[in-house]
C-alpha cells in the first residue's frame, strides 16, 4: 500500500470581490491549517467575486472548505449582492480536482461528502456539477446558473431546476452552492484590447467560446475593467493542454485585427500549471525536443 500523501486542488469562489474585511475573513478560514496550503486569492472588483486556489490533503482540506463556506454564508447576503459575474450563492462554487497521488474517483467521493455536509451544517442547498452532476445538463455551470440568483430563486421549485440536496428552494440569504469534481481546473486568462468599444470585445468573445462555435473547452465574455483603459476578452479555459494559451491569444489577436484593434497584452489570473506556460514557450520559440527537466528549478519541486 502506498504511503505517499495525497493532495487535492480546490478553486472555490465566493460572491464578494469588493469588501476587503469580508474577503480576508473568509480567506482566513483556509490559513494556518496543517495539511492545507493557501496558494492565492484573487478579488475581482467588477465581477464582485473572489477566486481562491488552495491545495491540501483530503480530510483537512475538506474541513477547511466547509469552514470557508460557513463564513461566506455568514458575511454575504445575496439579497444585497450584485456583480457582473454569474452567481447563485454566497459560496458560489466548491470545485475540486486531483492534484497528486489521488484519483478522480476519490475526488468525486470527497465532493459528495462536501455537498452533504454543506447542507447538514448550514442548511444551504447544493447543486452537483462536473463528474458529480445528476444529469447531463448540470455538468455545465451555465445551466445551473441560468437566471442567476435572482432568476433561480423564482424557479427552484421546479423539478428541472431544484437543488440536488435540500428543499426545492434557495436559502433566503446564502442562495445555493455548486459542488463538483473534475479532472482539470480552469485557467483564467484575460486578453486586453486597445479600444473602448465593448461590442468588439463581446463579438470576439462570442467567436472564441465553445457554445457559439469557438473552442469547445473555452468560455469567454467581453467586459470592461473600470480601473484600466481598453476592454477585455476574459476567458475560462478548461483544458490548456488541448487548447493552449497561445492558440487562444492568436485567435483573439486575429479577430481584433479585423476591427483594426491592437492587442496590448494579456494576463493569467491566479496560479497556472507550468506545462501550460511551457507549451506556449515551445510554440513561440519553435523549440524542438524540449524537456521540462531542462528547467533547473524543476529539480527543486517535489
Protein backbone atom coordinates (compact mmCIF):
# COMPACT_ATOMS: atom_id res chain seq x y z
CA UNK A 1 0.00 0.00 0.00
CA UNK A 2 1.35 3.42 -0.94
CA UNK A 3 2.32 5.75 1.93
CA UNK A 4 2.62 8.80 -0.30
CA UNK A 5 0.47 11.71 0.78
CA UNK A 6 -2.50 12.60 -1.35
CA UNK A 7 -3.24 16.14 -2.44
CA UNK A 8 -6.41 17.74 -3.80
CA UNK A 9 -6.63 21.06 -5.65
CA UNK A 10 -9.65 23.28 -4.96
CA UNK A 11 -10.55 26.52 -6.74
CA UNK A 12 -13.63 27.80 -4.88
CA UNK A 13 -15.16 31.20 -5.47
CA UNK A 14 -17.36 33.31 -3.24
CA UNK A 15 -19.54 36.26 -4.19
CA UNK A 16 -17.63 39.25 -2.86
CA UNK A 17 -14.67 40.97 -4.52
CA UNK A 18 -15.04 44.47 -3.06
CA UNK A 19 -15.16 44.44 0.74
CA UNK A 20 -11.60 43.84 1.96
CA UNK A 21 -12.61 42.91 5.51
CA UNK A 22 -15.17 40.35 4.30
CA UNK A 23 -12.75 38.83 1.78
CA UNK A 24 -9.99 38.45 4.35
CA UNK A 25 -12.34 36.98 6.96
CA UNK A 26 -13.47 34.31 4.51
CA UNK A 27 -9.99 33.51 3.21
CA UNK A 28 -8.59 33.34 6.76
CA UNK A 29 -10.64 30.17 7.27
CA UNK A 30 -8.14 28.44 4.94
CA UNK A 31 -4.97 29.69 6.64
CA UNK A 32 -2.68 28.11 9.23
CA UNK A 33 -4.19 24.63 8.89
CA UNK A 34 -1.84 21.65 8.90
CA UNK A 35 -2.13 19.81 5.59
CA UNK A 36 -3.64 22.81 3.76
CA UNK A 37 -1.78 25.37 1.64
CA UNK A 38 -3.49 28.56 0.50
CA UNK A 39 -1.88 29.29 -2.87
CA UNK A 40 -3.63 32.54 -3.78
CA UNK A 41 -6.84 34.53 -3.73
CA UNK A 42 -7.89 36.96 -6.43
CA UNK A 43 -10.59 39.52 -5.61
CA UNK A 44 -12.25 40.85 -8.79
CA UNK A 45 -13.98 44.16 -8.16
CA UNK A 46 -16.11 44.37 -11.31
CA UNK A 47 -17.15 40.71 -11.12
CA UNK A 48 -17.67 41.15 -7.34
CA UNK A 49 -16.31 37.72 -6.60
CA UNK A 50 -13.07 36.23 -5.26
CA UNK A 51 -11.42 33.14 -6.72
CA UNK A 52 -9.33 31.10 -4.29
CA UNK A 53 -6.71 28.46 -5.08
CA UNK A 54 -5.88 26.03 -2.30
CA UNK A 55 -4.10 22.65 -2.16
CA UNK A 56 -4.37 20.15 0.66
CA UNK A 57 -4.63 16.66 1.98
CA UNK A 58 -8.18 15.38 1.52
CA UNK A 59 -9.57 15.46 5.06
CA UNK A 60 -8.11 18.75 6.35
CA UNK A 61 -8.86 20.43 3.03
CA UNK A 62 -12.48 19.26 3.16
CA UNK A 63 -12.89 20.69 6.66
CA UNK A 64 -11.22 23.97 5.65
CA UNK A 65 -13.50 24.36 2.63
CA UNK A 66 -16.56 23.80 4.83
CA UNK A 67 -15.37 26.44 7.29
CA UNK A 68 -14.76 28.87 4.40
CA UNK A 69 -18.27 28.22 3.08
CA UNK A 70 -19.76 28.84 6.51
CA UNK A 71 -18.04 32.21 6.76
CA UNK A 72 -19.26 33.13 3.25
CA UNK A 73 -22.84 32.32 4.24
CA UNK A 74 -22.44 34.40 7.40
CA UNK A 75 -20.99 37.52 5.76
CA UNK A 76 -22.58 37.66 2.26
CA UNK A 77 -26.26 38.39 1.75
CA UNK A 78 -27.33 37.51 -1.79
CA UNK A 79 -30.34 39.82 -1.47
CA UNK A 80 -27.86 42.72 -1.38
CA UNK A 81 -25.07 41.38 -3.63
CA UNK A 82 -24.61 42.35 -7.28
CA UNK A 83 -21.83 41.90 -9.83
CA UNK A 84 -21.12 41.18 -13.46
CA UNK A 85 -20.14 37.53 -12.99
CA UNK A 86 -22.91 34.87 -12.98
CA UNK A 87 -23.56 33.54 -9.47
CA UNK A 88 -26.23 31.76 -7.43
CA UNK A 89 -24.85 31.86 -3.91
CA UNK A 90 -22.62 33.44 -1.30
CA UNK A 91 -20.22 30.49 -1.57
CA UNK A 92 -20.94 30.10 -5.24
CA UNK A 93 -18.76 27.12 -6.13
CA UNK A 94 -16.56 24.50 -4.48
CA UNK A 95 -14.81 22.65 -7.34
CA UNK A 96 -12.10 20.10 -6.55
CA UNK A 97 -9.56 18.33 -8.76
CA UNK A 98 -6.96 15.55 -8.38
CA UNK A 99 -3.54 17.10 -7.77
CA UNK A 100 -1.12 14.41 -6.60
CA UNK A 101 -1.41 10.70 -5.76
CA UNK A 102 -5.21 10.77 -5.85
CA UNK A 103 -7.75 9.59 -8.41
CA UNK A 104 -10.73 11.38 -9.87
CA UNK A 105 -12.95 8.70 -8.33
CA UNK A 106 -11.67 9.61 -4.87
CA UNK A 107 -12.28 13.30 -5.60
CA UNK A 108 -15.85 12.52 -6.67
CA UNK A 109 -16.42 10.89 -3.28
CA UNK A 110 -14.92 13.88 -1.46
CA UNK A 111 -17.16 16.27 -3.41
CA UNK A 112 -20.20 14.17 -2.41
CA UNK A 113 -19.15 14.45 1.24
CA UNK A 114 -18.67 18.23 0.94
CA UNK A 115 -22.08 18.70 -0.65
CA UNK A 116 -23.79 16.60 2.02
CA UNK A 117 -22.08 18.43 4.88
CA UNK A 118 -22.73 21.91 3.40
CA UNK A 119 -26.45 21.22 3.76
CA UNK A 120 -26.21 19.41 7.10
CA UNK A 121 -24.09 22.14 8.73
CA UNK A 122 -25.56 25.28 7.16
CA UNK A 123 -28.95 24.38 5.60
CA UNK A 124 -27.72 25.75 2.27
CA UNK A 125 -28.95 23.71 -0.72
CA UNK A 126 -26.41 22.16 -3.09
CA UNK A 127 -26.22 21.59 -6.83
CA UNK A 128 -23.74 18.97 -8.06
CA UNK A 129 -21.82 19.64 -11.28
CA UNK A 130 -18.87 18.17 -13.20
CA UNK A 131 -18.44 14.44 -12.59
CA UNK A 132 -20.91 14.68 -9.71
CA UNK A 133 -23.73 16.03 -11.90
CA UNK A 134 -27.01 14.16 -11.58
CA UNK A 135 -27.87 14.81 -15.22
CA UNK A 136 -26.01 15.80 -18.39
CA UNK A 137 -27.21 19.42 -18.34
CA UNK A 138 -25.88 20.05 -14.85
CA UNK A 139 -22.32 19.22 -15.87
CA UNK A 140 -22.25 22.82 -17.13
CA UNK A 141 -22.20 25.67 -14.60
CA UNK A 142 -24.02 27.86 -17.09
CA UNK A 143 -27.09 25.59 -16.96
CA UNK A 144 -27.26 25.64 -13.16
CA UNK A 145 -26.64 29.40 -13.03
CA UNK A 146 -29.20 30.29 -15.71
CA UNK A 147 -31.11 33.31 -14.45
CA UNK A 148 -28.50 33.81 -11.71
CA UNK A 149 -29.55 34.09 -8.05
CA UNK A 150 -32.49 36.35 -8.78
CA UNK A 151 -33.92 34.15 -11.53
CA UNK A 152 -33.13 30.79 -9.95
CA UNK A 153 -34.93 31.56 -6.71
CA UNK A 154 -38.13 32.02 -8.74
CA UNK A 155 -37.89 28.59 -10.42
CA UNK A 156 -36.02 26.46 -7.85
CA UNK A 157 -39.29 24.70 -7.00
CA UNK A 158 -39.44 23.15 -10.49
CA UNK A 159 -38.12 19.60 -10.92
CA UNK A 160 -35.61 20.58 -13.61
CA UNK A 161 -34.17 23.45 -11.53
CA UNK A 162 -34.43 22.29 -7.91
CA UNK A 163 -31.24 21.62 -5.89
CA UNK A 164 -29.78 18.13 -5.65
CA UNK A 165 -29.57 18.35 -1.85
CA UNK A 166 -32.02 20.32 0.24
CA UNK A 167 -35.53 21.67 -0.33
CA UNK A 168 -36.76 22.89 -3.71
CA UNK A 169 -35.84 26.48 -2.84
CA UNK A 170 -32.78 28.65 -2.28
CA UNK A 171 -31.56 29.77 1.13
CA UNK A 172 -33.07 33.24 1.76
CA UNK A 173 -29.68 34.99 2.10
CA UNK A 174 -26.99 32.46 1.11
CA UNK A 175 -28.60 31.15 -2.10
CA UNK A 176 -27.08 27.81 -3.08
CA UNK A 177 -23.64 26.30 -3.65
CA UNK A 178 -22.36 24.30 -6.62
CA UNK A 179 -20.04 21.42 -5.66
CA UNK A 180 -18.10 19.41 -8.23
CA UNK A 181 -15.15 17.19 -9.02
CA UNK A 182 -13.42 17.24 -12.37
CA UNK A 183 -10.15 16.20 -13.99
CA UNK A 184 -8.82 19.68 -14.68
CA UNK A 185 -9.17 23.05 -13.03
CA UNK A 186 -9.81 26.07 -15.19
CA UNK A 187 -7.19 28.64 -16.14
CA UNK A 188 -8.44 32.23 -16.05
CA UNK A 189 -6.93 34.23 -18.91
CA UNK A 190 -7.58 37.83 -19.96
CA UNK A 191 -6.58 39.50 -23.23
CA UNK A 192 -6.56 43.31 -23.38
CA UNK A 193 -7.70 45.29 -26.42
CA UNK A 194 -6.79 48.87 -27.34
CA UNK A 195 -10.35 50.08 -27.77
CA UNK A 196 -13.17 51.36 -25.60
CA UNK A 197 -15.73 49.67 -27.85
CA UNK A 198 -17.15 46.93 -25.64
CA UNK A 199 -19.14 45.45 -28.53
CA UNK A 200 -15.88 44.44 -30.24
CA UNK A 201 -14.77 42.51 -27.15
CA UNK A 202 -18.19 40.84 -26.96
CA UNK A 203 -18.08 39.81 -30.63
CA UNK A 204 -14.59 38.33 -30.23
CA UNK A 205 -15.66 36.52 -27.04
CA UNK A 206 -18.60 35.01 -28.92
CA UNK A 207 -16.19 33.75 -31.58
CA UNK A 208 -13.76 32.18 -29.10
CA UNK A 209 -16.16 30.42 -26.73
CA UNK A 210 -17.30 26.87 -27.38
CA UNK A 211 -21.11 27.15 -27.24
CA UNK A 212 -21.15 29.76 -30.04
CA UNK A 213 -18.75 27.95 -32.36
CA UNK A 214 -15.30 28.56 -30.91
CA UNK A 215 -13.02 26.33 -28.84
CA UNK A 216 -15.03 23.63 -27.06
CA UNK A 217 -13.13 23.98 -23.77
CA UNK A 218 -13.22 27.79 -23.59
CA UNK A 219 -15.86 30.10 -22.12
CA UNK A 220 -15.43 33.83 -22.74
CA UNK A 221 -17.06 37.19 -22.15
CA UNK A 222 -16.27 40.70 -23.35
CA UNK A 223 -16.05 43.10 -20.42
CA UNK A 224 -14.71 46.46 -19.29
CA UNK A 225 -12.46 46.73 -16.23
CA UNK A 226 -13.17 50.17 -14.75
CA UNK A 227 -9.67 50.50 -13.33
CA UNK A 228 -7.86 50.34 -16.68
CA UNK A 229 -8.21 51.63 -20.22
CA UNK A 230 -9.42 49.42 -23.06
CA UNK A 231 -11.72 46.41 -22.98
CA UNK A 232 -11.06 42.76 -22.21
CA UNK A 233 -11.80 39.33 -23.62
CA UNK A 234 -11.97 37.36 -20.38
CA UNK A 235 -11.73 33.58 -20.70
CA UNK A 236 -12.11 30.49 -18.55
CA UNK A 237 -10.00 27.82 -20.23
CA UNK A 238 -10.83 24.31 -19.07
CA UNK A 239 -8.18 22.33 -20.97
CA UNK A 240 -4.98 24.22 -21.75
CA UNK A 241 -3.32 21.02 -22.93
CA UNK A 242 -5.75 20.61 -25.83
CA UNK A 243 -6.37 24.34 -26.35
CA UNK A 244 -3.14 26.10 -25.36
CA UNK A 245 -2.96 29.70 -24.21
CA UNK A 246 -1.06 30.71 -27.34
CA UNK A 247 -3.84 29.41 -29.57
CA UNK A 248 -6.48 31.47 -27.78
CA UNK A 249 -4.16 34.50 -27.84
CA UNK A 250 -3.52 34.20 -31.58
CA UNK A 251 -7.22 33.71 -32.30
CA UNK A 252 -8.20 36.84 -30.37
CA UNK A 253 -5.35 38.80 -31.96
CA UNK A 254 -6.51 37.79 -35.44
CA UNK A 255 -10.15 38.65 -34.72
CA UNK A 256 -9.16 42.02 -33.22
CA UNK A 257 -7.13 42.86 -36.34
CA UNK A 258 -10.32 42.51 -38.36
CA UNK A 259 -11.68 45.51 -36.46
CA UNK A 260 -8.39 47.43 -36.68
CA UNK A 261 -7.80 46.91 -32.97
CA UNK A 262 -4.46 46.02 -31.38
CA UNK A 263 -3.93 43.55 -28.54
CA UNK A 264 -1.97 45.36 -25.82
CA UNK A 265 -1.23 42.37 -23.61
CA UNK A 266 -2.70 39.52 -21.60
CA UNK A 267 -2.67 38.13 -18.09
CA UNK A 268 -3.14 34.82 -16.35
CA UNK A 269 -5.29 35.34 -13.26
CA UNK A 270 -4.12 33.23 -10.35
CA UNK A 271 -1.94 30.10 -10.45
CA UNK A 272 -1.30 28.15 -13.64
CA UNK A 273 0.36 24.82 -14.35
CA UNK A 274 3.94 25.09 -15.59
CA UNK A 275 3.10 22.83 -18.54
CA UNK A 276 0.54 25.36 -19.80
CA UNK A 277 3.21 28.05 -19.99
CA UNK A 278 5.81 25.75 -21.47
CA UNK A 279 3.66 24.76 -24.45
CA UNK A 280 3.34 28.45 -25.36
CA UNK A 281 7.09 28.94 -24.90
CA UNK A 282 7.79 25.99 -27.20
CA UNK A 283 5.39 27.38 -29.80
CA UNK A 284 6.73 30.94 -29.89
CA UNK A 285 10.40 29.94 -29.80
CA UNK A 286 9.98 26.97 -32.11
CA UNK A 287 11.74 24.77 -29.55
CA UNK A 288 12.38 21.18 -30.58
CA UNK A 289 12.69 18.23 -28.19
CA UNK A 290 12.44 20.49 -25.15
CA UNK A 291 12.03 18.68 -21.82
CA UNK A 292 10.70 20.05 -18.56
CA UNK A 293 13.73 18.67 -16.72
CA UNK A 294 15.88 21.18 -18.64
CA UNK A 295 14.42 23.82 -16.34
CA UNK A 296 16.76 23.93 -13.35
CA UNK A 297 14.07 24.94 -10.88
CA UNK A 298 12.00 21.88 -11.78
CA UNK A 299 14.52 19.76 -9.86
CA UNK A 300 13.53 21.55 -6.66
CA UNK A 301 9.87 20.57 -6.97
CA UNK A 302 8.51 17.66 -5.01
